[in-house]
Amino acid sequence: MKTKMQTYNVSEELNQVFGAPGSESRRYAENQAWEEYNAQILLDARKEAGMTQSELAEKIGTDKSYISRVERGLTIPSISTFYRMVSAMGLTVELR
């Protein structure tokens, strides 16, 4: 017996949930997604570096709760803080 496959339009779903591309609601959702993505990258990098939140915080002159908020996407670090975090983990940022 063959099962009939249904198609699903992801673009329509995104438009319904987040608004049309270019709309304020869609831009807001995209920004939120990027913030969560960046937070996850920093969390993964810290773990890969074998550092605790406390160790990273000490190296950049802040506290563990700040690192936790950044990694959960609740706080967006300034560019200078971002670079300090990356450097403290022994990494670099390359822009192309």
Protein backbone atom coordinates (compact mmCIF):
# COMPACT_ATOMS: atom_id res chain seq x y z
CA MET A 1 0.00 0.00 0.00
CA LYS A 2 1.37 3.40 -0.98
CA THR A 3 1.05 6.37 1.31
CA LYS A 4 0.20 9.68 -0.29
CA MET A 5 2.82 12.24 0.64
CA GLN A 6 1.68 15.71 1.55
CA THR A 7 3.69 18.78 0.73
CA TYR A 8 4.36 21.46 3.27
CA ASN A 9 5.21 25.05 2.38
CA VAL A 10 7.73 26.26 4.94
CA SER A 11 7.74 29.80 3.54
CA GLU A 12 3.99 30.14 4.11
CA GLU A 13 4.35 28.87 7.66
CA LEU A 14 7.16 31.32 8.39
CA ASN A 15 5.08 34.15 6.95
CA GLN A 16 2.10 33.20 9.13
CA VAL A 17 4.12 32.90 12.31
CA PHE A 18 6.68 35.69 11.86
CA GLY A 19 5.20 37.99 9.22
CA ALA A 20 6.20 38.68 5.65
CA PRO A 21 9.89 39.03 4.74
CA GLY A 22 11.01 42.59 5.42
CA SER A 23 8.23 43.28 7.94
CA GLU A 24 9.10 44.57 11.39
CA SER A 25 7.89 41.35 13.04
CA ARG A 26 9.97 39.22 10.67
CA ARG A 27 13.11 41.34 11.25
CA TYR A 28 12.57 41.04 15.00
CA ALA A 29 12.26 37.23 14.74
CA GLU A 30 15.37 37.03 12.55
CA ASN A 31 17.35 39.13 15.04
CA GLN A 32 16.20 36.89 17.89
CA ALA A 33 17.28 33.82 15.93
CA TRP A 34 20.74 35.31 15.29
CA GLU A 35 21.12 36.20 18.97
CA GLU A 36 20.27 32.64 20.01
CA TYR A 37 22.64 31.26 17.37
CA ASN A 38 25.50 33.47 18.58
CA ALA A 39 24.80 32.53 22.20
CA GLN A 40 25.03 28.85 21.28
CA ILE A 41 28.31 29.41 19.42
CA LEU A 42 29.83 31.06 22.51
CA LEU A 43 28.56 28.28 24.78
CA ASP A 44 29.96 25.58 22.50
CA ALA A 45 33.29 27.41 22.17
CA ARG A 46 33.65 27.74 25.94
CA LYS A 47 32.96 24.06 26.45
CA GLU A 48 35.35 23.13 23.63
CA ALA A 49 38.01 25.27 25.35
CA GLY A 50 37.44 23.26 28.53
CA MET A 51 36.52 26.34 30.55
CA THR A 52 33.85 26.89 33.14
CA GLN A 53 31.68 29.99 33.12
CA SER A 54 33.53 31.17 36.22
CA GLU A 55 36.93 30.77 34.55
CA LEU A 56 35.84 32.68 31.47
CA ALA A 57 34.25 35.39 33.59
CA GLU A 58 37.45 35.83 35.60
CA LYS A 59 39.55 36.10 32.45
CA ILE A 60 37.42 38.91 31.01
CA GLY A 61 36.73 40.70 34.28
CA THR A 62 33.07 39.95 34.81
CA ASP A 63 31.03 37.46 36.81
CA LYS A 64 29.65 34.00 36.11
CA SER A 65 26.07 35.23 35.95
CA TYR A 66 26.95 37.54 33.05
CA ILE A 67 28.45 34.63 31.08
CA SER A 68 25.36 32.57 31.85
CA ARG A 69 23.05 35.31 30.56
CA VAL A 70 25.10 35.64 27.37
CA GLU A 71 25.05 31.89 26.76
CA ARG A 72 21.28 31.76 27.28
CA GLY A 73 20.75 34.62 24.85
CA LEU A 74 19.41 36.96 27.53
CA THR A 75 22.27 39.44 27.24
CA ILE A 76 24.03 40.51 24.07
CA PRO A 77 27.67 41.31 24.73
CA SER A 78 29.17 44.45 23.28
CA ILE A 79 31.60 43.93 20.41
CA SER A 80 34.56 44.57 22.71
CA THR A 81 33.27 42.07 25.28
CA PHE A 82 32.64 39.54 22.53
CA TYR A 83 36.24 39.86 21.34
CA ARG A 84 37.54 39.58 24.93
CA MET A 85 35.50 36.39 25.38
CA VAL A 86 36.79 34.91 22.13
CA SER A 87 40.38 35.83 22.95
CA ALA A 88 40.11 34.42 26.49
CA MET A 89 39.07 31.09 24.97
CA GLY A 90 42.16 31.12 22.72
CA LEU A 91 40.17 31.79 19.56
CA THR A 92 40.14 34.47 16.91
CA VAL A 93 37.46 35.98 14.73
CA GLU A 94 38.01 36.17 11.00
CA LEU A 95 35.92 38.47 8.85
CA ARG A 96 35.76 37.75 5.14
